């Protein structure tokens, strides 16, 4: 009898990996890259994106918005002292990440903001002020 390890979360993550499907470039392919899990909510005034970034600091993470694409990047430098330890089990890893999202033209790029709060990168994507239709008065024919 063979024992096969099955991780449904990993299989579902790869099935729904839209970054690869839409052809967004990966970070540095020489290193392992992971995609942070995200939550996106929409309110009347803005979209809110939260990404898991445990162990990353503000210096390790960058957020870019260019041509309608929001790109999250994270990279940590390896600590040589930690690598010298003889681990019995080592599940922590320092991996870089890069994830991109194509955003609608409703986003005001000048107002996008990001903050890192206890391992969660929180990005606010305010919507543009909606242009109201101009009211044209109809006058009677003279």
Protein backbone atom coordinates (compact mmCIF):
# COMPACT_ATOMS: atom_id res chain seq x y z
CA UNK A 1 0.00 0.00 0.00
CA UNK A 2 1.36 3.42 -0.99
CA UNK A 3 0.90 6.50 1.13
CA UNK A 4 0.23 9.62 -0.93
CA UNK A 5 0.35 13.02 0.69
CA UNK A 6 -2.51 15.24 -0.41
CA UNK A 7 -2.74 18.90 0.46
CA UNK A 8 -6.07 20.25 -0.84
CA UNK A 9 -5.18 23.85 0.04
CA UNK A 10 -2.03 23.70 -2.07
CA UNK A 11 -3.88 22.11 -4.99
CA UNK A 12 -6.65 24.71 -4.82
CA UNK A 13 -4.12 27.54 -4.58
CA UNK A 14 -2.41 26.36 -7.76
CA UNK A 15 -5.78 25.90 -9.50
CA UNK A 16 -6.84 29.46 -8.69
CA UNK A 17 -3.40 30.97 -9.32
CA UNK A 18 -4.57 33.78 -11.60
CA UNK A 19 -1.16 35.45 -11.67
CA UNK A 20 0.25 32.60 -13.75
CA UNK A 21 -2.93 32.33 -15.84
CA UNK A 22 -2.86 35.98 -16.85
CA UNK A 23 0.85 35.91 -17.58
CA UNK A 24 2.09 38.27 -14.91
CA UNK A 25 5.85 37.97 -14.47
CA UNK A 26 7.23 36.23 -11.42
CA UNK A 27 9.84 37.78 -9.18
CA UNK A 28 13.32 36.29 -9.48
CA UNK A 29 12.90 32.77 -10.88
CA UNK A 30 16.25 31.67 -9.38
CA UNK A 31 14.67 31.83 -5.93
CA UNK A 32 11.46 30.28 -4.71
CA UNK A 33 8.55 32.69 -4.92
CA UNK A 34 5.34 32.54 -2.96
CA UNK A 35 2.14 34.44 -3.43
CA UNK A 36 0.73 36.13 -0.36
CA UNK A 37 -2.91 35.36 0.31
CA UNK A 38 -5.14 38.40 -0.07
CA UNK A 39 -8.57 39.68 0.86
CA UNK A 40 -10.22 42.35 -1.29
CA UNK A 41 -13.31 44.29 -0.24
CA UNK A 42 -15.21 47.04 -2.00
CA UNK A 43 -16.98 49.95 -0.37
CA UNK A 44 -18.63 52.96 -1.98
CA UNK A 45 -15.52 55.10 -1.58
CA UNK A 46 -12.69 52.60 -2.17
CA UNK A 47 -11.37 49.08 -2.64
CA UNK A 48 -9.39 47.62 0.26
CA UNK A 49 -6.73 44.95 -0.26
CA UNK A 50 -5.09 43.06 2.60
CA UNK A 51 -2.13 40.74 1.98
CA UNK A 52 -0.49 38.33 4.43
CA UNK A 53 3.15 39.35 4.92
CA UNK A 54 4.27 37.78 8.22
CA UNK A 55 7.83 38.57 9.23
CA UNK A 56 8.23 41.36 6.67
CA UNK A 57 9.00 44.95 7.65
CA UNK A 58 8.29 48.19 5.81
CA UNK A 59 11.81 48.01 4.31
CA UNK A 60 11.15 44.50 2.92
CA UNK A 61 7.90 45.35 1.09
CA UNK A 62 7.18 47.59 -1.89
CA UNK A 63 3.92 48.53 -3.58
CA UNK A 64 3.81 49.91 -7.11
CA UNK A 65 0.89 51.16 -9.21
CA UNK A 66 1.66 51.62 -12.90
CA UNK A 67 -0.56 51.50 -16.00
CA UNK A 68 -3.49 50.08 -14.08
CA UNK A 69 -1.47 47.26 -12.48
CA UNK A 70 -0.87 47.10 -8.73
CA UNK A 71 2.27 45.09 -7.87
CA UNK A 72 3.18 43.89 -4.39
CA UNK A 73 6.80 42.80 -3.84
CA UNK A 74 8.56 41.48 -0.79
CA UNK A 75 12.10 40.31 -0.23
CA UNK A 76 13.97 39.52 2.94
CA UNK A 77 17.70 39.16 3.27
CA UNK A 78 18.85 35.84 4.67
CA UNK A 79 20.50 35.90 8.08
CA UNK A 80 23.73 33.90 7.91
CA UNK A 81 23.69 33.17 11.69
CA UNK A 82 20.34 31.43 11.40
CA UNK A 83 21.61 29.25 8.53
CA UNK A 84 24.43 27.88 10.73
CA UNK A 85 22.01 26.30 13.23
CA UNK A 86 21.39 22.57 13.04
CA UNK A 87 17.64 22.28 12.86
CA UNK A 88 15.76 19.08 13.56
CA UNK A 89 12.75 20.65 11.84
CA UNK A 90 12.81 23.93 9.92
CA UNK A 91 9.49 25.07 8.51
CA UNK A 92 10.15 28.82 8.52
CA UNK A 93 11.51 30.06 5.23
CA UNK A 94 12.54 33.43 3.91
CA UNK A 95 11.02 33.66 0.49
CA UNK A 96 10.43 36.57 -1.78
CA UNK A 97 7.06 37.29 -3.29
CA UNK A 98 5.59 39.26 -6.14
CA UNK A 99 1.93 39.50 -6.97
CA UNK A 100 0.16 41.74 -9.46
CA UNK A 101 -3.44 42.81 -9.89
CA UNK A 102 -5.02 44.53 -12.86
CA UNK A 103 -7.25 47.28 -11.49
CA UNK A 104 -10.19 49.06 -13.04
CA UNK A 105 -9.99 52.62 -14.25
CA UNK A 106 -12.19 53.60 -11.27
CA UNK A 107 -9.07 53.83 -9.04
CA UNK A 108 -7.52 57.23 -8.33
CA UNK A 109 -3.76 56.42 -8.58
CA UNK A 110 -2.74 59.61 -6.76
CA UNK A 111 -4.63 58.59 -3.61
CA UNK A 112 -3.47 54.95 -3.22
CA UNK A 113 -1.95 54.32 0.22
CA UNK A 114 -0.38 51.33 1.98
CA UNK A 115 0.58 50.45 5.54
CA UNK A 116 1.97 47.37 7.26
CA UNK A 117 0.13 46.36 10.43
CA UNK A 118 1.19 43.25 12.39
CA UNK A 119 2.14 41.19 9.33
CA UNK A 120 -0.76 42.37 7.16
CA UNK A 121 -0.13 44.76 4.29
CA UNK A 122 -3.20 47.00 4.00
CA UNK A 123 -3.70 48.91 0.76
CA UNK A 124 -6.43 51.49 0.24
CA UNK A 125 -7.44 52.07 -3.37
CA UNK A 126 -9.78 55.09 -3.41
CA UNK A 127 -12.23 55.38 -6.26
CA UNK A 128 -12.22 58.42 -8.53
CA UNK A 129 -14.85 61.05 -8.02
CA UNK A 130 -17.69 60.13 -10.32
CA UNK A 131 -18.35 62.71 -12.99
CA UNK A 132 -21.92 63.84 -12.68
CA UNK A 133 -23.86 64.38 -15.88
CA UNK A 134 -24.30 68.00 -16.82
CA UNK A 135 -27.89 69.15 -16.66
CA UNK A 136 -28.89 70.95 -19.84
CA UNK A 137 -31.89 73.18 -19.68
CA UNK A 138 -34.39 72.70 -22.46
CA UNK A 139 -35.81 75.99 -23.66
CA UNK A 140 -38.96 76.50 -25.69
CA UNK A 141 -38.51 77.28 -29.38
CA UNK A 142 -38.83 80.97 -30.17
